[in-house]
Amino acid sequence: MRETPWIGEDIEAMKSLTCEEAVREFFAYLDRALAGEPLEALQQHLDQCLDCCDRLQFSRKLDVFVKERLEEAPLPEGFEERIRRALGD
């Protein structure tokens, strides 16, 4: 479990990445395709945002579910965008 940050700690870092931007990075994060500053920004955001931690947990479960069921089959057109919109709501 992550520790609660000090009040005011990394406020500037958290402002640099919105929840919407964080959600857009989830699948790249899960595929280990993020590195450097984008990865650091997402990790800093997740350290501060419980909502995005919950969304990431759901994304992780969805990712496993889809990969197990579809194996190498292509996703239906627009599927990823619908999932991203649903996660952003």
C-alpha atoms as a PDB file:
ATOM      1  CA  MET A   1       0.000   0.000   0.000  1.00  0.00           C
ATOM      2  CA  ARG A   2       1.347   3.436  -0.804  1.00  0.00           C
ATOM      3  CA  GLU A   3       2.007   6.029   1.859  1.00  0.00           C
ATOM      4  CA  THR A   4       0.008   9.234   2.078  1.00  0.00           C
ATOM      5  CA  PRO A   5       2.165  12.134   0.802  1.00  0.00           C
ATOM      6  CA  TRP A   6       2.871  15.192   2.862  1.00  0.00           C
ATOM      7  CA  ILE A   7       0.508  18.096   2.232  1.00  0.00           C
ATOM      8  CA  GLY A   8       1.984  20.193  -0.553  1.00  0.00           C
ATOM      9  CA  GLU A   9       4.550  17.586  -1.535  1.00  0.00           C
ATOM     10  CA  ASP A  10       5.139  17.427  -5.304  1.00  0.00           C
ATOM     11  CA  ILE A  11       2.207  19.748  -6.015  1.00  0.00           C
ATOM     12  CA  GLU A  12       3.908  21.023  -9.154  1.00  0.00           C
ATOM     13  CA  ALA A  13       4.553  17.484 -10.396  1.00  0.00           C
ATOM     14  CA  MET A  14       0.908  16.536  -9.913  1.00  0.00           C
ATOM     15  CA  LYS A  15      -0.264  19.595 -11.835  1.00  0.00           C
ATOM     16  CA  SER A  16       1.843  18.523 -14.782  1.00  0.00           C
ATOM     17  CA  LEU A  17      -0.312  15.470 -15.553  1.00  0.00           C
ATOM     18  CA  THR A  18      -4.102  15.489 -15.509  1.00  0.00           C
ATOM     19  CA  CYS A  19      -6.249  12.434 -14.800  1.00  0.00           C
ATOM     20  CA  GLU A  20      -7.284  12.346 -18.457  1.00  0.00           C
ATOM     21  CA  GLU A  21      -3.643  12.334 -19.554  1.00  0.00           C
ATOM     22  CA  ALA A  22      -2.803   9.648 -16.994  1.00  0.00           C
ATOM     23  CA  VAL A  23      -5.619   7.378 -18.189  1.00  0.00           C
ATOM     24  CA  ARG A  24      -4.372   7.696 -21.782  1.00  0.00           C
ATOM     25  CA  GLU A  25      -1.011   6.278 -20.650  1.00  0.00           C
ATOM     26  CA  PHE A  26      -2.375   3.250 -18.752  1.00  0.00           C
ATOM     27  CA  PHE A  27      -2.143   0.655 -21.502  1.00  0.00           C
ATOM     28  CA  ALA A  28       1.345   1.788 -22.529  1.00  0.00           C
ATOM     29  CA  TYR A  29       2.272   1.574 -18.838  1.00  0.00           C
ATOM     30  CA  LEU A  30       0.818  -1.925 -18.548  1.00  0.00           C
ATOM     31  CA  ASP A  31       2.686  -3.000 -21.692  1.00  0.00           C
ATOM     32  CA  ARG A  32       5.896  -1.551 -20.184  1.00  0.00           C
ATOM     33  CA  ALA A  33       6.162   0.805 -23.131  1.00  0.00           C
ATOM     34  CA  LEU A  34       6.592   3.944 -21.003  1.00  0.00           C
ATOM     35  CA  ALA A  35      10.004   5.178 -19.961  1.00  0.00           C
ATOM     36  CA  GLY A  36      11.748   8.343 -18.869  1.00  0.00           C
ATOM     37  CA  GLU A  37       9.729  11.471 -18.136  1.00  0.00           C
ATOM     38  CA  PRO A  38       6.326  10.061 -19.219  1.00  0.00           C
ATOM     39  CA  LEU A  39       6.768   7.126 -16.833  1.00  0.00           C
ATOM     40  CA  GLU A  40       7.932   9.383 -13.994  1.00  0.00           C
ATOM     41  CA  ALA A  41       5.013  11.767 -14.541  1.00  0.00           C
ATOM     42  CA  LEU A  42       2.509   8.913 -14.452  1.00  0.00           C
ATOM     43  CA  GLN A  43       4.058   7.415 -11.329  1.00  0.00           C
ATOM     44  CA  GLN A  44       4.006  10.803  -9.588  1.00  0.00           C
ATOM     45  CA  HIS A  45       0.365  11.256 -10.547  1.00  0.00           C
ATOM     46  CA  LEU A  46      -0.529   7.778  -9.251  1.00  0.00           C
ATOM     47  CA  ASP A  47       1.225   8.556  -5.956  1.00  0.00           C
ATOM     48  CA  GLN A  48      -1.248  11.414  -5.483  1.00  0.00           C
ATOM     49  CA  CYS A  49      -4.488  10.304  -7.151  1.00  0.00           C
ATOM     50  CA  LEU A  50      -6.556   7.497  -5.665  1.00  0.00           C
ATOM     51  CA  ASP A  51      -9.118   7.706  -8.483  1.00  0.00           C
ATOM     52  CA  CYS A  52      -6.464   6.969 -11.088  1.00  0.00           C
ATOM     53  CA  CYS A  53      -5.058   4.147  -8.942  1.00  0.00           C
ATOM     54  CA  ASP A  54      -8.525   2.577  -9.000  1.00  0.00           C
ATOM     55  CA  ARG A  55      -8.808   3.123 -12.759  1.00  0.00           C
ATOM     56  CA  LEU A  56      -5.371   1.609 -13.302  1.00  0.00           C
ATOM     57  CA  GLN A  57      -6.368  -1.454 -11.281  1.00  0.00           C
ATOM     58  CA  PHE A  58      -9.472  -1.844 -13.467  1.00  0.00           C
ATOM     59  CA  SER A  59      -7.358  -1.327 -16.610  1.00  0.00           C
ATOM     60  CA  ARG A  60      -4.940  -4.009 -15.434  1.00  0.00           C
ATOM     61  CA  LYS A  61      -7.810  -6.492 -14.963  1.00  0.00           C
ATOM     62  CA  LEU A  62      -9.341  -5.547 -18.310  1.00  0.00           C
ATOM     63  CA  ASP A  63      -5.990  -5.926 -20.051  1.00  0.00           C
ATOM     64  CA  VAL A  64      -5.553  -9.454 -18.666  1.00  0.00           C
ATOM     65  CA  PHE A  65      -9.145 -10.387 -19.511  1.00  0.00           C
ATOM     66  CA  VAL A  66      -8.857  -9.188 -23.113  1.00  0.00           C
ATOM     67  CA  LYS A  67      -5.440 -10.771 -23.680  1.00  0.00           C
ATOM     68  CA  GLU A  68      -6.617 -14.117 -22.322  1.00  0.00           C
ATOM     69  CA  ARG A  69      -9.800 -14.148 -24.397  1.00  0.00           C
ATOM     70  CA  LEU A  70      -8.605 -12.686 -27.670  1.00  0.00           C
ATOM     71  CA  GLU A  71      -5.021 -13.895 -27.759  1.00  0.00           C
ATOM     72  CA  GLU A  72      -3.743 -12.467 -31.042  1.00  0.00           C
ATOM     73  CA  ALA A  73      -7.082 -11.514 -32.587  1.00  0.00           C
ATOM     74  CA  PRO A  74      -7.344  -7.841 -33.549  1.00  0.00           C
ATOM     75  CA  LEU A  75      -9.597  -5.612 -31.459  1.00  0.00           C
ATOM     76  CA  PRO A  76     -12.806  -4.421 -33.093  1.00  0.00           C
ATOM     77  CA  GLU A  77     -12.526  -0.966 -34.618  1.00  0.00           C
ATOM     78  CA  GLY A  78     -13.121   1.757 -32.028  1.00  0.00           C
ATOM     79  CA  PHE A  79     -12.936  -0.644 -29.071  1.00  0.00           C
ATOM     80  CA  GLU A  80      -9.866   0.934 -27.475  1.00  0.00           C
ATOM     81  CA  GLU A  81     -11.321   4.437 -27.819  1.00  0.00           C
ATOM     82  CA  ARG A  82     -14.586   3.353 -26.152  1.00  0.00           C
ATOM     83  CA  ILE A  83     -12.633   1.866 -23.257  1.00  0.00           C
ATOM     84  CA  ARG A  84     -10.523   5.018 -22.881  1.00  0.00           C
ATOM     85  CA  ARG A  85     -13.667   7.194 -22.835  1.00  0.00           C
ATOM     86  CA  ALA A  86     -15.284   4.943 -20.239  1.00  0.00           C
ATOM     87  CA  LEU A  87     -12.190   5.099 -18.023  1.00  0.00           C
ATOM     88  CA  GLY A  88     -12.123   8.880 -18.323  1.00  0.00           C
ATOM     89  CA  ASP A  89     -15.698   9.279 -17.052  1.00  0.00           C
END
